[in-house]
PDB file of N, CA and C in Angstrom:
ATOM      1  N   MET A   1       5.416 -37.345 -10.557  1.00  0.00           N
ATOM      2  CA  MET A   1       4.456 -36.200 -11.120  1.00  0.00           C
ATOM      3  C   MET A   1       4.339 -34.923  -9.833  1.00  0.00           C
ATOM      4  N   MET A   2       3.483 -35.785  -8.731  1.00  0.00           N
ATOM      5  CA  MET A   2       2.914 -34.937  -7.888  1.00  0.00           C
ATOM      6  C   MET A   2       4.320 -34.153  -7.351  1.00  0.00           C
ATOM      7  N   LEU A   3       5.370 -34.732  -7.099  1.00  0.00           N
ATOM      8  CA  LEU A   3       6.469 -33.972  -6.599  1.00  0.00           C
ATOM      9  C   LEU A   3       6.630 -32.794  -7.622  1.00  0.00           C
ATOM     10  N   LYS A   4       6.711 -32.948  -8.596  1.00  0.00           N
ATOM     11  CA  LYS A   4       7.350 -31.997  -9.829  1.00  0.00           C
ATOM     12  C   LYS A   4       6.274 -30.801  -9.821  1.00  0.00           C
ATOM     13  N   LYS A   5       4.742 -31.040  -9.779  1.00  0.00           N
ATOM     14  CA  LYS A   5       3.985 -30.007  -9.562  1.00  0.00           C
ATOM     15  C   LYS A   5       4.017 -29.053  -8.181  1.00  0.00           C
ATOM     16  N   ARG A   6       4.080 -29.915  -7.123  1.00  0.00           N
ATOM     17  CA  ARG A   6       4.482 -29.129  -5.840  1.00  0.00           C
ATOM     18  C   ARG A   6       5.902 -28.239  -5.950  1.00  0.00           C
ATOM     19  N   ARG A   7       6.836 -28.536  -6.558  1.00  0.00           N
ATOM     20  CA  ARG A   7       7.785 -28.041  -6.584  1.00  0.00           C
ATOM     21  C   ARG A   7       7.720 -26.828  -7.670  1.00  0.00           C
ATOM     22  N   ILE A   8       7.071 -26.766  -8.686  1.00  0.00           N
ATOM     23  CA  ILE A   8       6.857 -25.742  -9.669  1.00  0.00           C
ATOM     24  C   ILE A   8       5.986 -24.698  -8.713  1.00  0.00           C
ATOM     25  N   PHE A   9       5.054 -25.482  -7.952  1.00  0.00           N
ATOM     26  CA  PHE A   9       4.069 -24.424  -7.452  1.00  0.00           C
ATOM     27  C   PHE A   9       4.888 -23.372  -6.104  1.00  0.00           C
ATOM     28  N   LEU A  10       5.886 -24.252  -5.557  1.00  0.00           N
ATOM     29  CA  LEU A  10       6.594 -23.604  -4.758  1.00  0.00           C
ATOM     30  C   LEU A  10       7.551 -22.618  -5.053  1.00  0.00           C
ATOM     31  N   LEU A  11       8.239 -22.897  -6.132  1.00  0.00           N
ATOM     32  CA  LEU A  11       9.081 -21.984  -7.119  1.00  0.00           C
ATOM     33  C   LEU A  11       8.146 -20.805  -7.132  1.00  0.00           C
ATOM     34  N   GLY A  12       7.105 -20.875  -7.925  1.00  0.00           N
ATOM     35  CA  GLY A  12       5.970 -19.942  -8.177  1.00  0.00           C
ATOM     36  C   GLY A  12       5.822 -18.802  -7.251  1.00  0.00           C
ATOM     37  N   ALA A  13       5.450 -19.629  -5.998  1.00  0.00           N
ATOM     38  CA  ALA A  13       5.053 -18.880  -4.479  1.00  0.00           C
ATOM     39  C   ALA A  13       6.286 -17.899  -4.160  1.00  0.00           C
ATOM     40  N   PHE A  14       7.463 -18.647  -4.049  1.00  0.00           N
ATOM     41  CA  PHE A  14       8.595 -18.063  -3.733  1.00  0.00           C
ATOM     42  C   PHE A  14       8.783 -16.989  -4.933  1.00  0.00           C
ATOM     43  N   LEU A  15       8.748 -16.850  -6.054  1.00  0.00           N
ATOM     44  CA  LEU A  15       9.147 -15.784  -6.905  1.00  0.00           C
ATOM     45  C   LEU A  15       8.079 -14.722  -6.676  1.00  0.00           C
ATOM     46  N   ILE A  16       6.856 -14.786  -6.456  1.00  0.00           N
ATOM     47  CA  ILE A  16       5.808 -13.904  -6.413  1.00  0.00           C
ATOM     48  C   ILE A  16       6.085 -13.127  -4.995  1.00  0.00           C
ATOM     49  N   ILE A  17       6.500 -13.746  -4.144  1.00  0.00           N
ATOM     50  CA  ILE A  17       6.677 -13.126  -2.678  1.00  0.00           C
ATOM     51  C   ILE A  17       8.014 -12.401  -2.788  1.00  0.00           C
ATOM     52  N   ALA A  18       8.915 -13.033  -3.346  1.00  0.00           N
ATOM     53  CA  ALA A  18      10.203 -12.506  -3.622  1.00  0.00           C
ATOM     54  C   ALA A  18       9.945 -10.924  -4.261  1.00  0.00           C
ATOM     55  N   ALA A  19       9.392 -10.921  -5.114  1.00  0.00           N
ATOM     56  CA  ALA A  19       8.827  -9.990  -6.410  1.00  0.00           C
ATOM     57  C   ALA A  19       8.050  -8.693  -5.431  1.00  0.00           C
ATOM     58  N   LEU A  20       7.583  -9.135  -4.551  1.00  0.00           N
ATOM     59  CA  LEU A  20       6.529  -8.142  -3.552  1.00  0.00           C
ATOM     60  C   LEU A  20       7.578  -7.271  -2.572  1.00  0.00           C
ATOM     61  N   ALA A  21       8.340  -8.583  -2.013  1.00  0.00           N
ATOM     62  CA  ALA A  21       9.489  -8.128  -1.363  1.00  0.00           C
ATOM     63  C   ALA A  21      10.304  -6.918  -2.015  1.00  0.00           C
ATOM     64  N   VAL A  22      10.784  -7.047  -2.936  1.00  0.00           N
ATOM     65  CA  VAL A  22      11.832  -6.452  -3.823  1.00  0.00           C
ATOM     66  C   VAL A  22      10.792  -4.870  -3.833  1.00  0.00           C
ATOM     67  N   ALA A  23       9.573  -5.187  -4.384  1.00  0.00           N
ATOM     68  CA  ALA A  23       8.783  -3.891  -4.506  1.00  0.00           C
ATOM     69  C   ALA A  23       8.949  -2.955  -3.667  1.00  0.00           C
ATOM     70  N   LEU A  24       8.387  -3.750  -2.459  1.00  0.00           N
ATOM     71  CA  LEU A  24       8.371  -2.457  -0.991  1.00  0.00           C
ATOM     72  C   LEU A  24       9.476  -2.060  -0.751  1.00  0.00           C
ATOM     73  N   TRP A  25      10.389  -2.962  -0.882  1.00  0.00           N
ATOM     74  CA  TRP A  25      11.887  -2.423  -0.471  1.00  0.00           C
ATOM     75  C   TRP A  25      12.310  -1.296  -0.990  1.00  0.00           C
ATOM     76  N   VAL A  26      12.234  -1.440  -2.401  1.00  0.00           N
ATOM     77  CA  VAL A  26      12.595  -0.501  -3.406  1.00  0.00           C
ATOM     78  C   VAL A  26      11.696   0.927  -3.270  1.00  0.00           C
ATOM     79  N   GLY A  27      10.368   0.541  -3.059  1.00  0.00           N
ATOM     80  CA  GLY A  27       9.563   1.892  -2.822  1.00  0.00           C
ATOM     81  C   GLY A  27       9.850   2.601  -1.625  1.00  0.00           C
ATOM     82  N   PHE A  28      10.161   1.744  -0.219  1.00  0.00           N
ATOM     83  CA  PHE A  28      10.506   2.518   1.050  1.00  0.00           C
ATOM     84  C   PHE A  28      11.891   3.231   0.903  1.00  0.00           C
ATOM     85  N   PHE A  29      12.989   2.544   0.271  1.00  0.00           N
ATOM     86  CA  PHE A  29      14.170   3.567   0.431  1.00  0.00           C
ATOM     87  C   PHE A  29      14.267   4.548  -0.786  1.00  0.00           C
ATOM     88  N   THR A  30      13.482   4.808  -1.499  1.00  0.00           N
ATOM     89  CA  THR A  30      13.563   5.614  -2.776  1.00  0.00           C
ATOM     90  C   THR A  30      13.381   6.863  -2.066  1.00  0.00           C
ATOM     91  N   GLY A  31      14.351   7.960  -2.017  1.00  0.00           N
ATOM     92  CA  GLY A  31      13.999   9.294  -1.253  1.00  0.00           C
ATOM     93  C   GLY A  31      12.995   9.915  -2.043  1.00  0.00           C
ATOM     94  N   ASP A  32      11.788   9.658  -2.026  1.00  0.00           N
ATOM     95  CA  ASP A  32      10.619  10.708  -2.855  1.00  0.00           C
ATOM     96  C   ASP A  32       9.621  10.828  -1.616  1.00  0.00           C
ATOM     97  N   LYS A  33      10.113  11.696  -0.850  1.00  0.00           N
ATOM     98  CA  LYS A  33       9.454  11.966   0.471  1.00  0.00           C
ATOM     99  C   LYS A  33       8.587  12.988   0.108  1.00  0.00           C
ATOM    100  N   LYS A  34       7.218  13.484   0.314  1.00  0.00           N
ATOM    101  CA  LYS A  34       6.600  14.324   0.224  1.00  0.00           C
ATOM    102  C   LYS A  34       6.901  15.336   1.388  1.00  0.00           C
ATOM    103  N   SER A  35       7.199  16.652   1.046  1.00  0.00           N
ATOM    104  CA  SER A  35       7.447  17.735   2.257  1.00  0.00           C
ATOM    105  C   SER A  35       6.539  18.846   2.047  1.00  0.00           C
ATOM    106  N   GLU A  36       5.761  18.974   0.550  1.00  0.00           N
ATOM    107  CA  GLU A  36       5.001  20.049   0.109  1.00  0.00           C
ATOM    108  C   GLU A  36       3.628  19.370  -0.481  1.00  0.00           C
ATOM    109  N   TYR A  37       2.669  19.978  -0.384  1.00  0.00           N
ATOM    110  CA  TYR A  37       1.524  19.495  -0.646  1.00  0.00           C
ATOM    111  C   TYR A  37       0.696  20.555  -1.525  1.00  0.00           C
ATOM    112  N   ASP A  38       0.130  20.258  -2.686  1.00  0.00           N
ATOM    113  CA  ASP A  38      -0.245  21.266  -3.447  1.00  0.00           C
ATOM    114  C   ASP A  38      -1.963  20.853  -2.919  1.00  0.00           C
ATOM    115  N   GLY A  39      -2.382  22.336  -2.780  1.00  0.00           N
ATOM    116  CA  GLY A  39      -4.176  22.260  -2.870  1.00  0.00           C
ATOM    117  C   GLY A  39      -3.976  22.585  -1.171  1.00  0.00           C
ATOM    118  N   THR A  40      -5.106  22.613  -0.378  1.00  0.00           N
ATOM    119  CA  THR A  40      -5.187  22.689   0.816  1.00  0.00           C
ATOM    120  C   THR A  40      -5.827  21.281   1.777  1.00  0.00           C
ATOM    121  N   LEU A  41      -5.054  21.392   2.824  1.00  0.00           N
ATOM    122  CA  LEU A  41      -5.494  20.170   3.577  1.00  0.00           C
ATOM    123  C   LEU A  41      -6.359  20.695   4.572  1.00  0.00           C
ATOM    124  N   VAL A  42      -7.697  20.203   4.349  1.00  0.00           N
ATOM    125  CA  VAL A  42      -8.633  20.782   5.465  1.00  0.00           C
ATOM    126  C   VAL A  42      -9.567  19.687   5.984  1.00  0.00           C
ATOM    127  N   GLU A  43      -9.987  19.916   7.380  1.00  0.00           N
ATOM    128  CA  GLU A  43     -10.677  19.100   7.639  1.00  0.00           C
ATOM    129  C   GLU A  43     -12.320  19.521   7.698  1.00  0.00           C
ATOM    130  N   VAL A  44     -13.177  18.782   7.101  1.00  0.00           N
ATOM    131  CA  VAL A  44     -14.335  19.116   6.866  1.00  0.00           C
ATOM    132  C   VAL A  44     -15.133  18.453   7.699  1.00  0.00           C
ATOM    133  N   SER A  45     -15.776  19.399   8.728  1.00  0.00           N
ATOM    134  CA  SER A  45     -16.962  19.168   9.361  1.00  0.00           C
ATOM    135  C   SER A  45     -18.097  19.856   9.485  1.00  0.00           C
ATOM    136  N   THR A  46     -19.044  19.405   9.888  1.00  0.00           N
ATOM    137  CA  THR A  46     -20.738  20.075   9.609  1.00  0.00           C
ATOM    138  C   THR A  46     -21.119  20.039  11.040  1.00  0.00           C
ATOM    139  N   ASP A  47     -21.441  21.060  11.545  1.00  0.00           N
ATOM    140  CA  ASP A  47     -21.951  21.092  12.958  1.00  0.00           C
ATOM    141  C   ASP A  47     -23.512  21.927  12.765  1.00  0.00           C
ATOM    142  N   GLU A  48     -24.600  21.146  13.272  1.00  0.00           N
ATOM    143  CA  GLU A  48     -25.637  21.634  13.085  1.00  0.00           C
ATOM    144  C   GLU A  48     -26.039  22.556  14.661  1.00  0.00           C
ATOM    145  N   ILE A  49     -26.615  23.627  14.164  1.00  0.00           N
ATOM    146  CA  ILE A  49     -26.591  24.456  15.238  1.00  0.00           C
ATOM    147  C   ILE A  49     -28.478  24.659  15.530  1.00  0.00           C
ATOM    148  N   ILE A  50     -28.791  24.263  16.557  1.00  0.00           N
ATOM    149  CA  ILE A  50     -30.143  24.027  16.824  1.00  0.00           C
ATOM    150  C   ILE A  50     -30.718  24.914  17.645  1.00  0.00           C
ATOM    151  N   GLN A  51     -31.619  26.138  17.246  1.00  0.00           N
ATOM    152  CA  GLN A  51     -32.339  26.818  17.814  1.00  0.00           C
ATOM    153  C   GLN A  51     -33.365  26.702  18.623  1.00  0.00           C
ATOM    154  N   PRO A  52     -33.545  27.218  20.142  1.00  0.00           N
ATOM    155  CA  PRO A  52     -34.845  26.728  20.414  1.00  0.00           C
ATOM    156  C   PRO A  52     -35.848  27.772  19.692  1.00  0.00           C
ATOM    157  N   LEU A  53     -37.199  27.111  20.131  1.00  0.00           N
ATOM    158  CA  LEU A  53     -38.303  27.682  19.410  1.00  0.00           C
ATOM    159  C   LEU A  53     -38.677  28.981  20.429  1.00  0.00           C
TER     160      LEU A  53
END
């Protein structure tokens, strides 16, 4: 009984890991590369200017 539960657990873990690997593999090798971006890409920074009194 314990061996059967362990076998089912290992099979389930293997299937989950395999599904993640396939999803990452397919996502990596699909040619949906971004070459243009909508909107503007700006770096927002604020600088405080302190004036002497």
